[in-house]
PDB file of N, CA and C in Angstrom:
ATOM      1  N   MET A   1     -10.583 -41.312  28.734  1.00  0.00           N
ATOM      2  CA  MET A   1     -11.152 -40.162  27.782  1.00  0.00           C
ATOM      3  C   MET A   1     -10.917 -40.363  26.752  1.00  0.00           C
ATOM      4  N   ALA A   2     -12.229 -40.111  25.576  1.00  0.00           N
ATOM      5  CA  ALA A   2     -11.862 -40.079  23.666  1.00  0.00           C
ATOM      6  C   ALA A   2     -10.673 -39.613  23.339  1.00  0.00           C
ATOM      7  N   ASP A   3      -9.594 -40.582  21.821  1.00  0.00           N
ATOM      8  CA  ASP A   3      -9.227 -39.786  21.240  1.00  0.00           C
ATOM      9  C   ASP A   3      -9.913 -38.343  21.012  1.00  0.00           C
ATOM     10  N   LYS A   4      -8.479 -37.621  20.076  1.00  0.00           N
ATOM     11  CA  LYS A   4      -9.063 -36.502  19.366  1.00  0.00           C
ATOM     12  C   LYS A   4      -9.332 -37.091  17.868  1.00  0.00           C
ATOM     13  N   LYS A   5     -10.910 -36.998  17.323  1.00  0.00           N
ATOM     14  CA  LYS A   5     -11.029 -37.990  16.006  1.00  0.00           C
ATOM     15  C   LYS A   5     -10.924 -36.701  14.435  1.00  0.00           C
ATOM     16  N   TYR A   6     -11.092 -35.070  15.355  1.00  0.00           N
ATOM     17  CA  TYR A   6     -10.839 -34.541  13.859  1.00  0.00           C
ATOM     18  C   TYR A   6     -10.066 -33.281  14.247  1.00  0.00           C
ATOM     19  N   PRO A   7      -9.842 -32.716  12.522  1.00  0.00           N
ATOM     20  CA  PRO A   7      -8.445 -32.194  12.419  1.00  0.00           C
ATOM     21  C   PRO A   7      -8.601 -30.947  13.104  1.00  0.00           C
ATOM     22  N   SER A   8     -10.025 -30.205  13.119  1.00  0.00           N
ATOM     23  CA  SER A   8      -9.861 -29.321  14.458  1.00  0.00           C
ATOM     24  C   SER A   8      -9.879 -29.440  15.450  1.00  0.00           C
ATOM     25  N   ASP A   9      -9.998 -30.457  16.046  1.00  0.00           N
ATOM     26  CA  ASP A   9      -9.239 -31.209  17.749  1.00  0.00           C
ATOM     27  C   ASP A   9      -7.834 -30.890  18.259  1.00  0.00           C
ATOM     28  N   LYS A  10      -7.468 -30.425  17.108  1.00  0.00           N
ATOM     29  CA  LYS A  10      -5.845 -30.319  17.328  1.00  0.00           C
ATOM     30  C   LYS A  10      -5.192 -28.988  17.075  1.00  0.00           C
ATOM     31  N   GLN A  11      -5.998 -27.892  16.155  1.00  0.00           N
ATOM     32  CA  GLN A  11      -5.696 -26.887  16.272  1.00  0.00           C
ATOM     33  C   GLN A  11      -5.689 -26.275  17.429  1.00  0.00           C
ATOM     34  N   ASP A  12      -4.579 -24.876  17.308  1.00  0.00           N
ATOM     35  CA  ASP A  12      -5.184 -23.909  18.210  1.00  0.00           C
ATOM     36  C   ASP A  12      -6.333 -22.830  18.516  1.00  0.00           C
ATOM     37  N   LYS A  13      -6.977 -22.797  19.742  1.00  0.00           N
ATOM     38  CA  LYS A  13      -8.044 -21.882  20.047  1.00  0.00           C
ATOM     39  C   LYS A  13      -7.600 -20.921  20.514  1.00  0.00           C
ATOM     40  N   PHE A  14      -8.273 -19.435  20.394  1.00  0.00           N
ATOM     41  CA  PHE A  14      -7.972 -18.452  20.773  1.00  0.00           C
ATOM     42  C   PHE A  14      -9.789 -17.941  21.021  1.00  0.00           C
ATOM     43  N   MET A  15      -9.591 -17.332  22.512  1.00  0.00           N
ATOM     44  CA  MET A  15     -11.081 -16.297  22.650  1.00  0.00           C
ATOM     45  C   MET A  15     -10.788 -15.222  22.293  1.00  0.00           C
ATOM     46  N   LEU A  16     -11.680 -14.420  21.846  1.00  0.00           N
ATOM     47  CA  LEU A  16     -11.494 -13.371  21.163  1.00  0.00           C
ATOM     48  C   LEU A  16     -12.680 -12.350  21.473  1.00  0.00           C
ATOM     49  N   ARG A  17     -12.437 -10.767  22.055  1.00  0.00           N
ATOM     50  CA  ARG A  17     -13.787 -10.454  21.950  1.00  0.00           C
ATOM     51  C   ARG A  17     -13.615  -9.160  20.936  1.00  0.00           C
ATOM     52  N   LEU A  18     -14.786  -9.141  20.430  1.00  0.00           N
ATOM     53  CA  LEU A  18     -15.261  -8.668  19.121  1.00  0.00           C
ATOM     54  C   LEU A  18     -15.805  -7.131  19.528  1.00  0.00           C
ATOM     55  N   PRO A  19     -15.461  -5.748  18.698  1.00  0.00           N
ATOM     56  CA  PRO A  19     -16.421  -4.734  18.903  1.00  0.00           C
ATOM     57  C   PRO A  19     -17.842  -5.135  18.796  1.00  0.00           C
ATOM     58  N   GLU A  20     -18.885  -4.304  19.342  1.00  0.00           N
ATOM     59  CA  GLU A  20     -20.268  -4.296  18.688  1.00  0.00           C
ATOM     60  C   GLU A  20     -20.288  -4.153  17.624  1.00  0.00           C
ATOM     61  N   GLY A  21     -21.109  -5.076  16.658  1.00  0.00           N
ATOM     62  CA  GLY A  21     -21.592  -5.376  15.516  1.00  0.00           C
ATOM     63  C   GLY A  21     -20.321  -5.883  14.957  1.00  0.00           C
ATOM     64  N   MET A  22     -19.264  -6.123  14.922  1.00  0.00           N
ATOM     65  CA  MET A  22     -18.204  -6.999  14.226  1.00  0.00           C
ATOM     66  C   MET A  22     -18.179  -8.063  13.453  1.00  0.00           C
ATOM     67  N   ARG A  23     -18.938  -8.962  14.854  1.00  0.00           N
ATOM     68  CA  ARG A  23     -19.679 -10.198  14.656  1.00  0.00           C
ATOM     69  C   ARG A  23     -20.271 -10.670  13.521  1.00  0.00           C
ATOM     70  N   ASP A  24     -21.700  -9.668  13.003  1.00  0.00           N
ATOM     71  CA  ASP A  24     -22.462  -9.707  12.142  1.00  0.00           C
ATOM     72  C   ASP A  24     -21.851  -9.352  10.977  1.00  0.00           C
ATOM     73  N   ARG A  25     -21.043  -8.177  10.908  1.00  0.00           N
ATOM     74  CA  ARG A  25     -20.370  -8.048   9.648  1.00  0.00           C
ATOM     75  C   ARG A  25     -19.400  -9.272   9.208  1.00  0.00           C
ATOM     76  N   ILE A  26     -18.550 -10.170  10.011  1.00  0.00           N
ATOM     77  CA  ILE A  26     -17.775 -10.883   9.193  1.00  0.00           C
ATOM     78  C   ILE A  26     -18.782 -12.116   9.144  1.00  0.00           C
ATOM     79  N   ARG A  27     -19.895 -12.436   9.956  1.00  0.00           N
ATOM     80  CA  ARG A  27     -20.734 -12.739   9.451  1.00  0.00           C
ATOM     81  C   ARG A  27     -21.391 -13.176   8.043  1.00  0.00           C
ATOM     82  N   LEU A  28     -21.572 -11.538   7.941  1.00  0.00           N
ATOM     83  CA  LEU A  28     -22.213 -11.205   6.002  1.00  0.00           C
ATOM     84  C   LEU A  28     -21.091 -11.220   5.320  1.00  0.00           C
ATOM     85  N   GLU A  29     -20.048 -10.910   5.794  1.00  0.00           N
ATOM     86  CA  GLU A  29     -19.028 -11.135   4.634  1.00  0.00           C
ATOM     87  C   GLU A  29     -18.618 -12.581   4.393  1.00  0.00           C
ATOM     88  N   SER A  30     -18.890 -13.596   5.378  1.00  0.00           N
ATOM     89  CA  SER A  30     -18.321 -15.016   4.724  1.00  0.00           C
ATOM     90  C   SER A  30     -19.823 -15.796   4.380  1.00  0.00           C
ATOM     91  N   GLU A  31     -20.948 -15.499   4.478  1.00  0.00           N
ATOM     92  CA  GLU A  31     -21.600 -15.589   4.113  1.00  0.00           C
ATOM     93  C   GLU A  31     -22.149 -15.311   2.156  1.00  0.00           C
ATOM     94  N   LYS A  32     -21.681 -13.852   1.986  1.00  0.00           N
ATOM     95  CA  LYS A  32     -20.751 -13.827   0.792  1.00  0.00           C
ATOM     96  C   LYS A  32     -20.239 -14.609  -0.498  1.00  0.00           C
ATOM     97  N   ILE A  33     -19.175 -15.062   0.364  1.00  0.00           N
ATOM     98  CA  ILE A  33     -17.787 -15.982  -0.214  1.00  0.00           C
ATOM     99  C   ILE A  33     -18.187 -17.486   0.052  1.00  0.00           C
ATOM    100  N   GLY A  34     -19.293 -17.625   0.814  1.00  0.00           N
ATOM    101  CA  GLY A  34     -20.050 -19.486   1.574  1.00  0.00           C
ATOM    102  C   GLY A  34     -18.709 -19.881   1.955  1.00  0.00           C
ATOM    103  N   ARG A  35     -18.369 -19.538   2.884  1.00  0.00           N
ATOM    104  CA  ARG A  35     -17.217 -20.359   3.788  1.00  0.00           C
ATOM    105  C   ARG A  35     -18.002 -19.639   5.590  1.00  0.00           C
ATOM    106  N   SER A  36     -17.358 -20.495   6.288  1.00  0.00           N
ATOM    107  CA  SER A  36     -17.460 -20.206   7.536  1.00  0.00           C
ATOM    108  C   SER A  36     -16.862 -18.615   8.133  1.00  0.00           C
ATOM    109  N   MET A  37     -17.484 -18.592   9.491  1.00  0.00           N
ATOM    110  CA  MET A  37     -17.198 -16.915  10.014  1.00  0.00           C
ATOM    111  C   MET A  37     -15.557 -17.572  10.211  1.00  0.00           C
ATOM    112  N   ASN A  38     -15.469 -18.603  11.025  1.00  0.00           N
ATOM    113  CA  ASN A  38     -13.741 -18.988  11.115  1.00  0.00           C
ATOM    114  C   ASN A  38     -12.831 -18.843  10.003  1.00  0.00           C
ATOM    115  N   ALA A  39     -13.533 -19.237   9.013  1.00  0.00           N
ATOM    116  CA  ALA A  39     -12.555 -19.719   7.811  1.00  0.00           C
ATOM    117  C   ALA A  39     -12.137 -17.977   7.553  1.00  0.00           C
ATOM    118  N   GLU A  40     -13.152 -17.589   7.182  1.00  0.00           N
ATOM    119  CA  GLU A  40     -13.386 -15.452   6.470  1.00  0.00           C
ATOM    120  C   GLU A  40     -12.064 -15.075   7.791  1.00  0.00           C
ATOM    121  N   ILE A  41     -12.416 -15.102   9.009  1.00  0.00           N
ATOM    122  CA  ILE A  41     -11.607 -14.424   9.919  1.00  0.00           C
ATOM    123  C   ILE A  41     -10.127 -15.237   9.710  1.00  0.00           C
ATOM    124  N   VAL A  42      -9.831 -16.501   9.353  1.00  0.00           N
ATOM    125  CA  VAL A  42      -8.257 -16.909   9.329  1.00  0.00           C
ATOM    126  C   VAL A  42      -7.749 -16.358   8.442  1.00  0.00           C
ATOM    127  N   ALA A  43      -8.867 -16.624   7.351  1.00  0.00           N
ATOM    128  CA  ALA A  43      -8.458 -16.255   5.954  1.00  0.00           C
ATOM    129  C   ALA A  43      -7.746 -14.350   5.265  1.00  0.00           C
ATOM    130  N   ARG A  44      -8.578 -13.568   6.235  1.00  0.00           N
ATOM    131  CA  ARG A  44      -8.204 -12.187   6.501  1.00  0.00           C
ATOM    132  C   ARG A  44      -6.798 -11.942   7.770  1.00  0.00           C
ATOM    133  N   LEU A  45      -6.811 -12.396   8.328  1.00  0.00           N
ATOM    134  CA  LEU A  45      -5.467 -12.395   9.295  1.00  0.00           C
ATOM    135  C   LEU A  45      -4.143 -12.705   8.439  1.00  0.00           C
ATOM    136  N   GLU A  46      -4.287 -14.126   7.550  1.00  0.00           N
ATOM    137  CA  GLU A  46      -3.521 -14.346   7.213  1.00  0.00           C
ATOM    138  C   GLU A  46      -3.062 -13.424   5.549  1.00  0.00           C
ATOM    139  N   ARG A  47      -4.243 -12.891   5.164  1.00  0.00           N
ATOM    140  CA  ARG A  47      -3.798 -11.942   4.010  1.00  0.00           C
ATOM    141  C   ARG A  47      -2.989 -10.547   4.782  1.00  0.00           C
ATOM    142  N   SER A  48      -3.434 -10.088   5.981  1.00  0.00           N
ATOM    143  CA  SER A  48      -2.949  -9.170   6.559  1.00  0.00           C
ATOM    144  C   SER A  48      -1.433  -9.038   6.868  1.00  0.00           C
ATOM    145  N   LEU A  49      -1.000 -10.530   7.746  1.00  0.00           N
ATOM    146  CA  LEU A  49       0.502 -11.129   8.263  1.00  0.00           C
ATOM    147  C   LEU A  49       0.844 -11.172   6.758  1.00  0.00           C
ATOM    148  N   SER A  50       0.562 -11.657   5.514  1.00  0.00           N
ATOM    149  CA  SER A  50       1.447 -11.912   4.539  1.00  0.00           C
ATOM    150  C   SER A  50       2.119 -10.267   3.910  1.00  0.00           C
ATOM    151  N   GLU A  51       1.112  -9.685   4.306  1.00  0.00           N
ATOM    152  CA  GLU A  51       1.257  -8.259   3.107  1.00  0.00           C
ATOM    153  C   GLU A  51       2.699  -7.400   3.963  1.00  0.00           C
ATOM    154  N   GLY A  52       2.773  -7.872   5.055  1.00  0.00           N
ATOM    155  CA  GLY A  52       3.904  -6.909   5.912  1.00  0.00           C
ATOM    156  C   GLY A  52       2.991  -7.393   7.432  1.00  0.00           C
ATOM    157  N   ALA A  53       4.284  -6.847   8.087  1.00  0.00           N
ATOM    158  CA  ALA A  53       4.407  -7.073   9.712  1.00  0.00           C
ATOM    159  C   ALA A  53       3.745  -5.870  10.319  1.00  0.00           C
ATOM    160  N   THR A  54       3.696  -4.337   9.562  1.00  0.00           N
ATOM    161  CA  THR A  54       3.762  -3.291  10.326  1.00  0.00           C
ATOM    162  C   THR A  54       2.930  -2.380   9.329  1.00  0.00           C
ATOM    163  N   PRO A  55       1.990  -1.575   9.803  1.00  0.00           N
ATOM    164  CA  PRO A  55       0.792  -0.713   9.099  1.00  0.00           C
ATOM    165  C   PRO A  55       2.082   0.236   8.714  1.00  0.00           C
ATOM    166  N   GLU A  56       3.282   0.630   8.750  1.00  0.00           N
ATOM    167  CA  GLU A  56       4.455   1.158   8.159  1.00  0.00           C
ATOM    168  C   GLU A  56       4.684   0.994   6.701  1.00  0.00           C
ATOM    169  N   TYR A  57       5.068  -0.323   7.072  1.00  0.00           N
ATOM    170  CA  TYR A  57       5.530  -1.229   5.736  1.00  0.00           C
ATOM    171  C   TYR A  57       4.248  -1.619   4.476  1.00  0.00           C
ATOM    172  N   ARG A  58       2.647  -1.567   5.040  1.00  0.00           N
ATOM    173  CA  ARG A  58       1.890  -2.105   4.107  1.00  0.00           C
ATOM    174  C   ARG A  58       1.523  -0.135   3.632  1.00  0.00           C
ATOM    175  N   SER A  59       1.643   0.852   4.143  1.00  0.00           N
ATOM    176  CA  SER A  59       1.358   1.991   3.670  1.00  0.00           C
ATOM    177  C   SER A  59       2.525   2.193   2.733  1.00  0.00           C
ATOM    178  N   SER A  60       3.710   1.987   3.183  1.00  0.00           N
ATOM    179  CA  SER A  60       4.871   2.242   1.928  1.00  0.00           C
ATOM    180  C   SER A  60       4.855   1.268   0.779  1.00  0.00           C
ATOM    181  N   ALA A  61       4.404  -0.008   0.714  1.00  0.00           N
ATOM    182  CA  ALA A  61       3.985  -0.859   0.209  1.00  0.00           C
ATOM    183  C   ALA A  61       3.080  -0.376  -0.799  1.00  0.00           C
ATOM    184  N   ALA A  62       1.780   0.282  -0.248  1.00  0.00           N
ATOM    185  CA  ALA A  62       0.862   0.781  -0.849  1.00  0.00           C
ATOM    186  C   ALA A  62       1.390   2.112  -1.856  1.00  0.00           C
ATOM    187  N   ALA A  63       1.949   3.213  -1.185  1.00  0.00           N
ATOM    188  CA  ALA A  63       2.763   4.536  -2.293  1.00  0.00           C
ATOM    189  C   ALA A  63       3.215   4.085  -3.191  1.00  0.00           C
ATOM    190  N   LEU A  64       4.263   2.588  -2.651  1.00  0.00           N
ATOM    191  CA  LEU A  64       4.799   1.951  -4.451  1.00  0.00           C
ATOM    192  C   LEU A  64       4.305   1.776  -5.405  1.00  0.00           C
ATOM    193  N   LYS A  65       3.108   0.899  -4.785  1.00  0.00           N
ATOM    194  CA  LYS A  65       2.202   0.284  -6.129  1.00  0.00           C
ATOM    195  C   LYS A  65       1.254   1.580  -6.539  1.00  0.00           C
ATOM    196  N   GLU A  66       1.090   2.231  -5.964  1.00  0.00           N
ATOM    197  CA  GLU A  66       0.299   3.692  -7.100  1.00  0.00           C
ATOM    198  C   GLU A  66       1.689   4.536  -8.025  1.00  0.00           C
ATOM    199  N   GLU A  67       3.004   4.418  -7.420  1.00  0.00           N
ATOM    200  CA  GLU A  67       3.859   5.077  -7.732  1.00  0.00           C
ATOM    201  C   GLU A  67       3.919   4.680  -9.335  1.00  0.00           C
ATOM    202  N   ILE A  68       3.973   3.100  -9.330  1.00  0.00           N
ATOM    203  CA  ILE A  68       3.756   2.101 -10.380  1.00  0.00           C
ATOM    204  C   ILE A  68       3.192   2.497 -11.274  1.00  0.00           C
ATOM    205  N   ARG A  69       1.572   1.862 -10.713  1.00  0.00           N
ATOM    206  CA  ARG A  69       0.551   2.057 -11.591  1.00  0.00           C
ATOM    207  C   ARG A  69       0.630   3.442 -12.228  1.00  0.00           C
ATOM    208  N   GLN A  70       0.768   4.899 -11.721  1.00  0.00           N
ATOM    209  CA  GLN A  70       0.804   5.925 -12.322  1.00  0.00           C
ATOM    210  C   GLN A  70       2.050   6.023 -13.437  1.00  0.00           C
ATOM    211  N   GLU A  71       2.909   5.520 -13.261  1.00  0.00           N
ATOM    212  CA  GLU A  71       3.987   5.288 -14.639  1.00  0.00           C
ATOM    213  C   GLU A  71       3.718   4.309 -15.609  1.00  0.00           C
ATOM    214  N   ILE A  72       2.781   3.369 -15.176  1.00  0.00           N
ATOM    215  CA  ILE A  72       2.077   2.443 -16.280  1.00  0.00           C
ATOM    216  C   ILE A  72       1.181   3.535 -16.981  1.00  0.00           C
ATOM    217  N   ARG A  73       0.451   3.870 -16.541  1.00  0.00           N
ATOM    218  CA  ARG A  73      -0.693   4.823 -16.932  1.00  0.00           C
ATOM    219  C   ARG A  73       0.212   5.788 -17.898  1.00  0.00           C
ATOM    220  N   ASP A  74       1.027   6.695 -17.824  1.00  0.00           N
ATOM    221  CA  ASP A  74       2.151   7.602 -17.943  1.00  0.00           C
ATOM    222  C   ASP A  74       2.875   6.751 -19.573  1.00  0.00           C
ATOM    223  N   GLU A  75       3.278   5.491 -19.365  1.00  0.00           N
ATOM    224  CA  GLU A  75       3.741   5.422 -20.575  1.00  0.00           C
ATOM    225  C   GLU A  75       2.418   4.073 -21.704  1.00  0.00           C
ATOM    226  N   LEU A  76       1.298   4.041 -21.178  1.00  0.00           N
ATOM    227  CA  LEU A  76       0.266   3.945 -21.746  1.00  0.00           C
ATOM    228  C   LEU A  76      -0.365   5.263 -22.419  1.00  0.00           C
ATOM    229  N   ALA A  77      -0.625   5.884 -21.550  1.00  0.00           N
ATOM    230  CA  ALA A  77      -0.801   7.264 -22.508  1.00  0.00           C
ATOM    231  C   ALA A  77      -0.061   7.495 -23.681  1.00  0.00           C
ATOM    232  N   GLY A  78       1.728   7.864 -23.202  1.00  0.00           N
ATOM    233  CA  GLY A  78       2.605   8.085 -24.488  1.00  0.00           C
ATOM    234  C   GLY A  78       2.160   7.303 -25.905  1.00  0.00           C
ATOM    235  N   MET A  79       2.445   5.657 -25.424  1.00  0.00           N
ATOM    236  CA  MET A  79       1.798   4.350 -26.694  1.00  0.00           C
ATOM    237  C   MET A  79       0.674   4.897 -27.263  1.00  0.00           C
ATOM    238  N   ILE A  80      -0.139   5.722 -26.852  1.00  0.00           N
ATOM    239  CA  ILE A  80      -1.977   5.798 -27.315  1.00  0.00           C
ATOM    240  C   ILE A  80      -1.622   6.677 -28.244  1.00  0.00           C
ATOM    241  N   ARG A  81      -0.948   8.333 -27.416  1.00  0.00           N
ATOM    242  CA  ARG A  81      -0.988   9.293 -28.370  1.00  0.00           C
ATOM    243  C   ARG A  81       0.311   9.106 -29.807  1.00  0.00           C
ATOM    244  N   GLU A  82       0.905   8.237 -29.697  1.00  0.00           N
ATOM    245  CA  GLU A  82       1.844   7.303 -30.833  1.00  0.00           C
ATOM    246  C   GLU A  82       1.267   7.125 -31.424  1.00  0.00           C
ATOM    247  N   ALA A  83       0.315   5.985 -31.072  1.00  0.00           N
ATOM    248  CA  ALA A  83      -0.347   4.752 -32.069  1.00  0.00           C
ATOM    249  C   ALA A  83      -1.530   5.639 -33.049  1.00  0.00           C
ATOM    250  N   ILE A  84      -2.037   6.783 -32.481  1.00  0.00           N
ATOM    251  CA  ILE A  84      -3.007   7.694 -32.860  1.00  0.00           C
ATOM    252  C   ILE A  84      -2.363   8.292 -33.854  1.00  0.00           C
ATOM    253  N   LYS A  85      -1.480   9.426 -33.565  1.00  0.00           N
ATOM    254  CA  LYS A  85      -0.560   9.942 -34.438  1.00  0.00           C
ATOM    255  C   LYS A  85      -0.227   9.533 -35.502  1.00  0.00           C
ATOM    256  N   GLY A  86       0.389   7.978 -35.249  1.00  0.00           N
ATOM    257  CA  GLY A  86       0.625   7.527 -36.558  1.00  0.00           C
ATOM    258  C   GLY A  86      -0.710   6.812 -37.454  1.00  0.00           C
ATOM    259  N   ALA A  87      -1.551   6.603 -36.722  1.00  0.00           N
ATOM    260  CA  ALA A  87      -2.627   6.341 -37.564  1.00  0.00           C
ATOM    261  C   ALA A  87      -3.051   7.620 -38.302  1.00  0.00           C
ATOM    262  N   ALA A  88      -3.561   8.616 -37.699  1.00  0.00           N
ATOM    263  CA  ALA A  88      -3.557  10.465 -38.804  1.00  0.00           C
ATOM    264  C   ALA A  88      -2.069   9.805 -39.440  1.00  0.00           C
ATOM    265  N   THR A  89      -1.370   9.787 -39.542  1.00  0.00           N
ATOM    266  CA  THR A  89      -0.266  10.029 -40.379  1.00  0.00           C
ATOM    267  C   THR A  89      -0.442   9.158 -41.837  1.00  0.00           C
ATOM    268  N   GLN A  90      -1.270   8.232 -41.745  1.00  0.00           N
ATOM    269  CA  GLN A  90      -1.831   6.767 -42.713  1.00  0.00           C
ATOM    270  C   GLN A  90      -2.564   7.034 -43.187  1.00  0.00           C
ATOM    271  N   ALA A  91      -3.392   7.978 -42.710  1.00  0.00           N
ATOM    272  CA  ALA A  91      -5.281   7.668 -43.003  1.00  0.00           C
ATOM    273  C   ALA A  91      -5.200   9.398 -43.996  1.00  0.00           C
ATOM    274  N   ARG A  92      -4.129   9.652 -43.909  1.00  0.00           N
ATOM    275  CA  ARG A  92      -4.052  11.115 -44.765  1.00  0.00           C
ATOM    276  C   ARG A  92      -3.677  10.574 -46.402  1.00  0.00           C
ATOM    277  N   PRO A  93      -4.448  11.110 -47.202  1.00  0.00           N
ATOM    278  CA  PRO A  93      -4.149  10.659 -48.321  1.00  0.00           C
ATOM    279  C   PRO A  93      -2.742  11.238 -48.886  1.00  0.00           C
ATOM    280  N   GLU A  94      -2.530  10.727 -49.892  1.00  0.00           N
ATOM    281  CA  GLU A  94      -1.037  10.967 -50.719  1.00  0.00           C
ATOM    282  C   GLU A  94      -1.380  12.349 -51.326  1.00  0.00           C
ATOM    283  N   LYS A  95      -0.845  13.243 -51.866  1.00  0.00           N
ATOM    284  CA  LYS A  95      -0.729  14.304 -52.873  1.00  0.00           C
ATOM    285  C   LYS A  95      -0.073  13.849 -53.977  1.00  0.00           C
ATOM    286  N   ASP A  96      -0.826  13.952 -54.635  1.00  0.00           N
ATOM    287  CA  ASP A  96      -0.502  13.459 -56.621  1.00  0.00           C
ATOM    288  C   ASP A  96       0.962  14.545 -56.708  1.00  0.00           C
ATOM    289  N   GLU A  97       2.107  14.424 -56.910  1.00  0.00           N
ATOM    290  CA  GLU A  97       2.563  15.092 -58.043  1.00  0.00           C
ATOM    291  C   GLU A  97       2.866  15.063 -59.343  1.00  0.00           C
TER     292      GLU A  97
END
């Protein structure tokens, strides 16, 4: 028997059944990015596993991100209002006394 010559020969293999139509969706997404279907599946699994182990964790992390985004929006809105107010004050002509 020949020795294993390729890196993929040393990787774990897993048989997978996909719901109807999912294979085509994966193929289309992988073609958009220019990588193999296998690479696309592995990348998506890696990303979802690194984002947290449970759906509850991911949803709470998403809620926290949205809360932080809203705080940033509010802070920026306040800064913009102050900048406009300051610009309007500077733009007023001084009255002769």
